[in-house]
Protein backbone atom coordinates (compact mmCIF):
# COMPACT_ATOMS: atom_id res chain seq x y z
CA MET A 1 -46.75 89.36 198.41
CA GLU A 2 -49.07 88.01 196.32
CA LYS A 3 -48.76 84.94 194.08
CA THR A 4 -48.22 84.68 190.18
CA VAL A 5 -51.26 82.94 188.57
CA SER A 6 -51.56 80.71 185.32
CA ALA A 7 -54.67 80.80 183.91
CA VAL A 8 -55.41 77.75 182.03
CA LEU A 9 -58.23 77.93 179.30
CA VAL A 10 -59.33 74.86 178.41
CA ALA A 11 -60.36 74.89 174.54
CA ALA A 12 -59.82 71.50 173.46
CA GLY A 13 -62.34 68.78 172.80
CA SER A 14 -66.12 69.14 171.27
CA SER A 15 -67.95 72.57 171.92
CA THR A 16 -70.87 72.25 169.56
CA ARG A 17 -73.54 70.13 171.92
CA MET A 18 -75.67 73.49 170.97
CA GLY A 19 -75.81 72.91 167.27
CA PHE A 20 -72.92 75.41 166.69
CA ASP A 21 -69.16 75.78 167.93
CA LYS A 22 -69.30 77.69 171.13
CA LEU A 23 -65.60 78.82 170.73
CA SER A 24 -65.93 80.74 167.63
CA PHE A 25 -69.71 82.17 168.57
CA ASP A 26 -69.69 85.57 167.50
CA LEU A 27 -70.75 88.02 170.22
CA GLY A 28 -70.57 91.31 168.44
CA GLY A 29 -67.58 91.06 166.84
CA GLU A 30 -65.66 88.83 169.43
CA THR A 31 -65.69 85.23 169.64
CA VAL A 32 -66.45 83.58 173.32
CA LEU A 33 -62.66 82.37 172.89
CA HIS A 34 -60.70 85.72 172.13
CA ARG A 35 -63.19 87.11 175.21
CA SER A 36 -62.36 84.46 177.38
CA ILE A 37 -58.75 85.63 176.61
CA ARG A 38 -59.22 88.79 176.93
CA ALA A 39 -60.86 88.73 180.26
CA PHE A 40 -58.26 86.56 182.23
CA ALA A 41 -55.34 88.94 180.27
CA GLN A 42 -56.88 91.95 181.46
CA CYS A 43 -56.87 90.22 185.48
CA PRO A 44 -53.83 91.85 187.23
CA GLN A 45 -53.04 88.68 189.03
CA VAL A 46 -52.48 86.71 186.06
CA THR A 47 -48.86 86.67 184.54
CA GLU A 48 -49.46 83.91 181.84
CA LEU A 49 -52.05 82.20 179.85
CA VAL A 50 -51.98 78.72 179.11
CA LEU A 51 -54.26 77.79 175.81
CA VAL A 52 -55.18 74.05 175.59
CA ALA A 53 -56.08 72.82 172.42
CA GLY A 54 -57.10 70.53 169.90
CA LYS A 55 -57.64 70.08 166.58
CA ASN A 56 -58.55 73.66 166.51
CA ARG A 57 -54.77 74.90 167.43
CA ASP A 58 -54.71 77.14 163.99
CA PHE A 59 -57.68 78.83 165.08
CA VAL A 60 -56.76 79.21 169.25
CA ALA A 61 -53.37 80.89 168.05
CA GLN A 62 -55.25 83.31 166.12
CA GLN A 63 -57.11 83.89 168.73
CA ALA A 64 -54.72 84.61 171.10
CA ALA A 65 -52.47 86.63 168.65
CA ASP A 66 -52.93 90.03 170.51
CA CYS A 67 -53.06 88.85 174.09
CA PRO A 68 -50.53 91.24 175.86
CA LYS A 69 -49.21 88.59 178.28
CA PRO A 70 -47.70 85.25 177.40
CA VAL A 71 -49.02 82.99 175.96
CA GLN A 72 -48.64 78.98 175.53
CA ILE A 73 -50.65 76.70 173.50
CA VAL A 74 -50.09 72.53 174.69
CA ALA A 75 -52.09 69.67 173.04
CA GLY A 76 -55.39 68.56 174.74
CA GLY A 77 -56.30 64.98 176.43
CA ALA A 78 -58.88 62.59 175.56
CA THR A 79 -60.89 64.29 177.90
CA ARG A 80 -61.68 67.73 179.19
CA ALA A 81 -60.44 66.90 182.61
CA GLU A 82 -57.18 65.34 181.03
CA SER A 83 -57.26 68.50 179.24
CA ALA A 84 -57.04 70.52 181.91
CA LYS A 85 -54.44 68.38 183.80
CA ASN A 86 -51.90 69.11 180.46
CA GLY A 87 -52.38 72.91 181.13
CA VAL A 88 -51.86 73.06 184.84
CA LEU A 89 -48.58 70.67 184.13
CA ALA A 90 -47.05 73.07 181.59
CA ALA A 91 -48.26 76.19 183.49
CA HIS A 92 -45.50 78.32 185.35
CA GLY A 93 -47.34 80.16 187.82
CA GLU A 94 -47.68 79.67 191.54
CA LEU A 95 -51.44 79.18 191.45
CA VAL A 96 -53.23 78.12 188.39
CA ALA A 97 -56.89 79.15 187.91
CA VAL A 98 -58.59 76.43 185.05
CA HIS A 99 -61.42 77.78 183.23
CA ASP A 100 -63.55 76.27 180.27
CA ALA A 101 -62.87 78.63 177.79
CA ALA A 102 -66.25 77.65 175.61
CA ARG A 103 -68.12 80.00 178.48
CA PRO A 104 -69.45 82.58 177.04
CA PHE A 105 -69.33 85.49 179.47
CA VAL A 106 -66.06 85.51 181.42
CA SER A 107 -67.14 88.21 184.42
CA ALA A 108 -65.50 89.28 187.83
CA SER A 109 -66.76 86.86 189.76
CA VAL A 110 -66.19 83.99 187.26
CA ILE A 111 -62.23 84.95 187.38
CA THR A 112 -62.41 85.51 190.89
CA ALA A 113 -64.01 81.82 191.68
CA ALA A 114 -61.01 80.41 189.38
CA LEU A 115 -58.64 82.24 191.54
CA GLU A 116 -60.23 81.04 194.57
CA ALA A 117 -60.19 77.73 193.61
CA ALA A 118 -56.17 77.82 192.77
CA ALA A 119 -55.70 79.19 195.98
CA ARG A 120 -57.58 76.64 197.64
CA ASP A 121 -55.54 73.95 195.81
CA ALA A 122 -52.55 75.32 196.60
CA ARG A 123 -53.36 75.69 200.10
CA TYR A 124 -54.13 72.06 200.54
CA ALA A 125 -50.91 71.25 198.44
CA PHE A 126 -48.84 72.93 200.79
CA LEU A 127 -50.62 71.26 203.89
CA ARG A 128 -50.44 68.10 202.79
CA SER A 129 -46.61 68.55 202.20
CA LEU A 130 -46.10 69.15 205.80
CA ASN A 131 -45.30 66.19 208.43
CA GLY A 132 -47.68 64.99 210.63
CA LYS A 133 -52.01 65.32 211.33
CA ILE A 134 -53.11 69.04 210.21
CA ALA A 135 -56.60 70.11 211.35
CA THR A 136 -58.73 72.23 209.67
CA ALA A 137 -61.16 74.44 210.72
CA HIS A 138 -64.21 73.01 208.89
CA THR A 139 -67.66 73.18 210.87
CA ALA A 140 -71.20 71.51 210.38
CA ASP A 141 -72.51 74.75 208.84
CA ASP A 142 -69.63 74.08 206.07
CA ASN A 143 -70.78 70.35 205.93
CA ALA A 144 -74.19 71.27 205.68
CA GLU A 145 -73.81 73.84 202.48
CA THR A 146 -71.43 71.84 200.81
CA VAL A 147 -74.63 69.04 200.96
CA ILE A 148 -76.78 71.79 199.67
CA MET A 149 -74.09 72.82 196.84
CA ARG A 150 -73.89 68.96 195.41
CA MET A 151 -77.86 68.82 195.88
CA ILE A 152 -78.30 72.08 193.96
CA ARG A 153 -75.76 70.82 191.02
CA GLY A 154 -76.74 67.14 191.16
CA THR A 155 -74.77 64.13 192.62
CA GLY A 156 -75.20 60.68 193.97
CA LEU A 157 -74.35 58.93 197.36
CA LYS A 158 -70.88 59.72 197.23
CA GLY A 159 -71.00 63.58 196.53
CA LEU A 160 -74.12 63.10 199.74
CA GLY A 161 -70.79 62.42 202.09
CA ALA A 162 -69.79 66.18 201.26
CA ILE A 163 -66.46 66.93 203.23
CA ALA A 164 -64.27 63.93 204.08
CA PRO A 165 -63.55 63.87 208.16
CA VAL A 166 -60.28 62.62 207.05
CA SER A 167 -57.94 63.08 203.91
CA GLY A 168 -54.48 62.03 204.03
CA ASN A 169 -52.52 63.87 206.67
CA VAL A 170 -55.31 66.52 206.92
CA ILE A 171 -58.39 66.37 209.52
CA ARG A 172 -61.51 67.84 210.40
CA PRO A 173 -62.54 67.46 213.55
CA MET A 174 -65.54 69.85 213.93
CA LEU A 175 -67.86 68.61 211.37
CA LEU A 176 -70.58 68.24 213.83
CA ILE A 177 -69.88 71.45 215.55
CA ASN A 178 -71.65 74.72 214.17
CA ARG A 179 -69.96 77.85 213.54
CA GLN A 180 -71.79 79.67 216.12
CA GLU A 181 -70.27 77.41 218.84
CA VAL A 182 -66.88 78.06 217.34
CA GLU A 183 -67.22 81.58 217.22
CA LYS A 184 -68.46 81.72 221.02
CA PHE A 185 -65.62 79.67 222.15
CA LEU A 186 -63.11 81.69 220.32
CA LEU A 187 -64.62 84.28 221.91
CA ALA A 188 -64.67 83.27 225.43
CA TRP A 189 -60.77 82.15 225.21
CA GLY A 190 -59.96 85.16 223.33
CA LEU A 191 -58.29 83.23 220.47
CA PRO A 192 -57.57 85.78 217.67
CA HIS A 193 -58.72 84.10 214.03
CA ARG A 194 -58.68 85.21 210.75
CA GLU A 195 -62.02 85.77 208.20
CA ASP A 196 -61.20 85.04 204.54
CA SER A 197 -62.66 88.66 203.23
CA SER A 198 -64.45 86.39 200.10
CA ASN A 199 -66.61 85.32 202.84
CA ALA A 200 -68.70 88.33 202.55
CA SER A 201 -69.44 88.40 198.57
CA ASP A 202 -72.48 86.79 196.95
CA ALA A 203 -70.06 85.82 193.67
CA PHE A 204 -70.02 82.44 195.29
CA LEU A 205 -73.13 80.11 195.20
CA ARG A 206 -71.23 78.51 198.94
CA ASN A 207 -71.79 82.33 200.05
CA ARG A 208 -75.43 82.90 198.74
CA ILE A 209 -76.21 79.71 200.44
CA ARG A 210 -74.79 80.61 203.54
CA HIS A 211 -76.18 84.16 203.65
CA THR A 212 -79.69 83.41 202.29
CA VAL A 213 -80.99 79.65 202.39
CA MET A 214 -79.34 78.55 205.21
CA PRO A 215 -80.89 80.93 207.48
CA LEU A 216 -84.01 79.82 206.11
CA LEU A 217 -83.99 76.34 206.40
CA LYS A 218 -82.35 77.05 210.43
CA SER A 219 -85.45 79.00 211.11
CA GLU A 220 -87.41 75.66 210.75
CA ASN A 221 -84.65 74.01 212.61
CA PRO A 222 -82.43 75.41 214.24
CA ARG A 223 -80.09 72.30 214.22
CA LEU A 224 -80.06 72.18 210.29
CA ALA A 225 -76.03 72.34 210.35
CA GLU A 226 -75.57 69.37 212.55
CA ASN A 227 -78.35 67.30 210.94
CA LEU A 228 -77.17 67.44 207.73
CA SER A 229 -73.70 67.28 208.85
CA LEU A 230 -74.60 64.27 210.46
CA MET A 231 -76.70 63.05 207.68
CA ALA A 232 -73.49 63.50 205.28
CA LEU A 233 -71.24 60.96 207.48
CA ARG A 234 -73.52 58.77 207.88
CA LEU A 235 -73.93 58.13 204.05
CA ARG A 236 -70.26 58.22 203.93
CA GLU A 237 -70.03 55.14 205.68
CA ASP A 238 -72.63 53.55 203.53
CA GLU A 239 -70.81 54.65 200.65
CA ASP A 240 -67.70 53.05 202.14
CA PHE A 241 -69.82 49.63 202.65
CA LEU A 242 -70.89 49.85 199.40
CA ALA A 243 -67.57 50.44 197.73
CA ALA A 244 -65.91 48.10 199.96
CA GLN A 245 -68.81 45.24 198.71
CA SER A 246 -68.08 46.14 195.17
CA ASP A 247 -64.31 45.31 195.59
CA PHE A 248 -63.39 42.30 193.73
CA PRO A 249 -59.49 40.91 192.70
CA THR A 250 -60.99 41.03 189.27
CA LEU A 251 -64.18 41.90 187.68
CA PRO A 252 -67.08 39.25 188.27
CA GLY A 253 -68.83 37.79 185.17
CA VAL A 254 -71.95 38.68 183.08
CA GLN A 255 -74.11 36.27 185.26
CA THR A 256 -73.10 37.48 188.70
CA LEU A 257 -73.22 40.97 187.59
CA ARG A 258 -76.58 40.71 186.42
CA ALA A 259 -77.57 39.32 189.53
CA MET A 260 -75.85 42.28 191.82
CA PRO A 261 -78.07 44.72 193.25
CA LYS A 262 -77.43 48.18 191.05
CA ALA A 263 -75.81 49.67 193.47
CA GLN A 264 -73.10 47.23 193.92
CA ARG A 265 -73.06 46.27 190.11
CA SER A 266 -73.12 50.10 189.09
CA ARG A 267 -69.92 50.70 191.69
CA CYS A 268 -68.29 47.26 190.15
CA ILE A 269 -68.27 48.75 186.86
CA GLU A 270 -67.44 52.01 187.79
CA ARG A 271 -64.21 50.50 189.71
CA PHE A 272 -63.65 48.67 186.37
CA LEU A 273 -63.78 51.52 183.91
CA LYS A 274 -61.27 53.55 186.20
CA ASP A 275 -58.66 50.37 186.13
CA SER A 276 -59.18 50.43 182.45
CA GLY A 277 -58.20 54.19 181.75
CA VAL A 278 -61.98 55.80 181.91
CA ARG A 279 -60.72 58.25 183.97
CA GLU A 280 -64.10 59.95 185.29
CA PRO A 281 -66.67 57.50 184.38
CA GLU A 282 -69.90 59.33 184.22
CA ASP A 283 -73.25 58.17 185.07
CA SER A 284 -73.69 57.55 180.85
CA HIS A 285 -70.77 55.68 180.91
CA ILE A 286 -71.73 53.24 183.39
CA SER A 287 -75.39 52.65 182.13
CA ALA A 288 -73.34 52.14 178.89
CA VAL A 289 -71.89 49.35 179.99
CA GLU A 290 -74.49 48.10 182.27
CA GLY A 291 -76.23 47.76 178.47
CA LEU A 292 -73.78 45.38 177.25
CA LEU A 293 -74.73 43.16 180.22
CA PHE A 294 -78.58 43.05 179.27
CA SER A 295 -77.98 42.76 175.78
CA ASP A 296 -78.94 39.98 173.40
CA LYS A 297 -75.59 40.51 171.54
CA PRO A 298 -73.08 38.32 173.38
CA SER A 299 -70.06 40.46 171.71
CA ALA A 300 -71.81 44.01 171.84
CA ARG A 301 -69.54 46.91 172.68
CA VAL A 302 -69.19 50.30 173.56
CA ASN A 303 -66.80 53.09 173.29
CA LEU A 304 -65.39 55.64 175.75
CA PRO A 305 -63.70 58.46 176.42
CA GLY A 306 -59.63 57.73 176.63
CA GLY A 307 -59.45 56.05 173.61
CA VAL A 308 -61.50 52.41 175.59
CA THR A 309 -63.54 50.32 174.24
CA VAL A 310 -65.50 47.65 176.19
CA SER A 311 -67.00 44.72 175.32
CA ARG A 312 -69.05 41.70 176.22
CA GLU A 313 -67.18 38.72 175.16
CA TYR A 314 -69.94 35.91 176.14
CA ASP A 315 -69.95 35.73 179.86
CA ARG A 316 -67.61 38.44 180.49
CA LEU A 317 -66.58 42.37 180.16
CA GLU A 318 -63.26 42.99 178.12
CA ALA A 319 -61.93 46.78 178.32
CA TRP A 320 -59.14 47.18 175.74
CA THR A 321 -57.25 50.54 174.37
CA HIS A 322 -57.19 51.28 170.45
CA LYS A 323 -54.27 50.36 168.99
CA PRO A 324 -53.49 50.25 165.21
CA ARG A 325 -53.72 47.01 164.04
CA PRO A 326 -50.19 45.39 163.43
CA GLU A 327 -47.86 45.49 159.87
CA PRO A 328 -46.74 42.57 158.65
CA VAL A 329 -42.97 42.22 159.48
CA ALA A 330 -40.09 39.79 158.18
CA LEU A 331 -38.63 37.38 160.82
CA THR A 332 -35.22 37.72 161.79
CA CYS A 333 -34.29 33.99 162.10
CA PRO A 334 -31.52 33.26 163.76
CA GLY A 335 -33.18 36.21 166.13
CA GLU A 336 -35.51 38.09 168.09
CA THR A 337 -38.21 40.20 166.50
CA VAL A 338 -40.72 42.26 168.20
CA TYR A 339 -44.42 42.14 166.37
CA GLY A 340 -47.42 44.20 168.15
CA ASP A 341 -47.46 42.56 171.47
CA TYR A 342 -45.22 39.91 171.09
CA ARG A 343 -41.54 38.67 171.16
CA VAL A 344 -41.01 36.44 168.66
CA THR A 345 -37.35 34.19 168.69
CA CYS A 346 -36.32 31.83 165.90
CA THR A 347 -33.60 29.63 166.11
CA PRO A 348 -32.19 26.31 164.71
CA ALA A 349 -34.35 23.39 166.11
CA ASP A 350 -32.34 20.46 168.41
CA LYS A 351 -35.98 19.26 168.54
CA ILE A 352 -39.40 18.98 167.35
CA VAL A 353 -41.79 21.09 169.61
CA ASN A 354 -45.11 21.79 168.41
CA THR A 355 -47.41 23.78 171.05
CA PRO A 356 -49.80 26.47 170.78
CA ASP A 357 -46.60 29.41 171.49
CA THR A 358 -43.83 27.07 170.01
CA PHE A 359 -43.52 25.62 166.04
CA THR A 360 -41.05 23.76 164.46
CA VAL A 361 -41.34 24.28 161.10
CA CYS A 362 -39.55 23.89 157.45
CA PRO A 363 -40.27 27.36 155.99
CA VAL A 364 -39.86 27.96 152.35
CA GLY A 365 -37.96 31.31 151.47
CA THR A 366 -38.45 34.30 154.08
CA LEU A 367 -40.84 34.02 157.25
CA THR A 368 -43.20 36.56 157.68
CA LEU A 369 -45.56 37.70 160.76
CA ARG A 370 -48.74 39.17 160.17
CA PRO A 371 -52.47 40.05 161.19
CA ARG A 372 -55.36 37.42 159.87
CA GLU A 373 -56.74 37.97 156.41
CA SER A 374 -60.10 37.57 155.15
CA GLY A 375 -60.28 33.76 154.17
CA ASP A 376 -57.50 32.52 155.82
CA VAL A 377 -57.69 28.58 156.99
CA ILE A 378 -55.50 26.26 158.90
CA ARG A 379 -55.19 22.50 159.18
CA LEU A 380 -55.60 21.32 163.01
CA SER A 381 -55.81 17.58 164.26
CA GLY A 382 -59.70 18.20 163.88
CA GLY A 383 -59.67 19.01 160.17
CA THR A 384 -59.71 22.02 158.13
CA LYS A 385 -61.12 25.91 159.86
CA SER A 386 -61.09 29.22 158.90
CA LEU A 387 -59.15 31.63 161.49
CA LYS A 388 -62.45 33.39 161.94
CA LYS A 389 -64.59 30.17 162.99
CA LEU A 390 -61.76 29.14 165.09
CA PHE A 391 -61.18 32.65 167.05
CA ILE A 392 -65.22 32.67 167.72
CA ASP A 393 -65.11 28.72 169.10
CA ARG A 394 -62.22 29.32 171.04
CA LYS A 395 -64.40 32.77 172.43
CA ILE A 396 -61.19 34.86 171.75
CA PRO A 397 -62.17 38.35 172.22
CA ALA A 398 -62.76 40.26 169.19
CA ALA A 399 -60.40 43.32 169.97
CA MET A 400 -57.32 40.74 170.40
CA ARG A 401 -57.85 39.10 167.08
CA GLU A 402 -56.62 41.38 164.78
CA ARG A 403 -53.45 41.36 167.04
CA ILE A 404 -52.34 37.35 166.91
CA PRO A 405 -50.08 37.00 164.95
CA VAL A 406 -49.74 34.41 162.10
CA LEU A 407 -46.72 33.02 160.87
CA CYS A 408 -46.47 32.31 156.85
CA ASP A 409 -43.78 31.56 154.37
CA GLU A 410 -44.03 31.91 150.58
CA GLN A 411 -46.88 29.19 150.32
CA GLY A 412 -48.65 30.25 153.10
CA ILE A 413 -49.84 29.67 156.73
CA LEU A 414 -47.16 28.05 158.98
CA GLY A 415 -49.08 28.39 162.06
CA VAL A 416 -51.31 30.73 164.27
CA TYR A 417 -50.04 31.77 167.87
CA SER A 418 -52.36 30.30 170.48
CA ILE A 419 -53.89 27.86 167.81
CA GLY A 420 -51.15 25.66 167.01
CA VAL A 421 -48.99 24.87 164.14
CA HIS A 422 -50.73 24.10 160.70
CA ALA A 423 -50.97 20.34 160.24
CA ASP A 424 -49.50 20.41 156.59
CA ARG A 425 -46.52 22.55 157.63
CA ALA A 426 -45.12 20.81 160.88
CA ALA A 427 -41.62 19.80 160.75
CA GLY A 428 -41.41 16.00 160.34
CA GLU A 429 -37.48 15.39 160.84
CA LEU A 430 -34.94 18.04 161.16
CA PRO A 431 -33.51 20.02 160.16
CA ALA A 432 -35.90 22.86 160.40
CA VAL A 433 -36.22 25.97 162.59
CA THR A 434 -38.30 26.86 166.33
CA VAL A 435 -40.00 29.91 166.10
CA HIS A 436 -41.40 30.54 169.86
CA PHE A 437 -43.75 33.74 170.84
CA ASP A 438 -43.67 35.57 174.28
CA VAL A 439 -46.49 38.09 175.75
CA ASP A 440 -44.17 41.00 175.43
CA ILE A 441 -46.75 43.67 176.34
CA PRO A 442 -49.50 42.88 178.45
CA GLU A 443 -52.88 42.85 176.39
CA SER A 444 -54.18 45.68 178.84
CA SER A 445 -51.27 48.00 178.43
CA ASP A 446 -52.09 52.14 177.92
CA ASP A 447 -49.23 52.68 176.32
């Protein structure tokens, strides 16, 4: 019995890199998006279409209006990968075929490739659900083909490592044995095996490499498959070593990163970006962050996918997700108030305590929490300074400055969290109130 298939067409995000909107481009009376929808709808295996849309949701709905099969429209994410994931999660089919809806020519081979990928994903999902070790029959030829495919498409050291010998409970023990040897063994022992029918089709890049490129290269060196597979395994070991050398509990400082070999530095940055919410760091993202390290500007920054911004804050790199500037709120006293990243309690004072996170004051009128404003100043024991200057002097990251609570009453500033109480407004005697700040949400939160 054939599996039901959901086709996920990713139509979210920008498709204008060629100078025009590819999704709405006219292909002789039909848009690119409509042709993609129609092509998958005509595929007998496809039982539903899941269209992933961004701000173009109305346009996507219009293009799908005449689709003869069930259609879902779901919201895209910050990246194309995240958008695809949203579509997959919404799909009802037993298999999911994912396609970039901006690809203008959806041929039968393109649909077949998408279905093949969906079937492969489903096979591995099944294998990984089983107990014990599962051995697959990948050979040196499969590994060599993967190396060549990735060289054609462009890759780095990790990609040249090709097929992993071990991936979870899936093991591949024959990566150094060529396909011909395996077939001879099966024949000699009369062991039956199944050949995937799609292996004969040149619709797929791997098969074209297998049928044309590999025989040509093997005519120069019959042990090509074994050599390339062994090379891939050695490169995988090199990659594992470099990754281990780049694994730090926290990202090193700017000067340390500058002094690192580029191979180690780029891996440190890649890990840092993944931990910071950039799900698929690309070379351009890593290069942009490297540029911060060598910039003459001590507070330079770059914006990255996923709403993540990375900035250089003197001798360290900081990453944060964009959060709106908190709105002013009245402080409940006595009581507890949540303000941005902070939980603030106000109680009648039983003693006078003034620290960077606790103020004892005698307020006039309503107590208010707000972000800093232009012209804000505070007097501390060392004199009067603007908040802007204090934040810079104390090297508080620029992204945090807008979220630091400023405690005010009807006469002005009483204190600033992490800075201290205003010297002119600190309580000299009781009765008074004590205001205490706790960090409620970590600064690196991805909420």
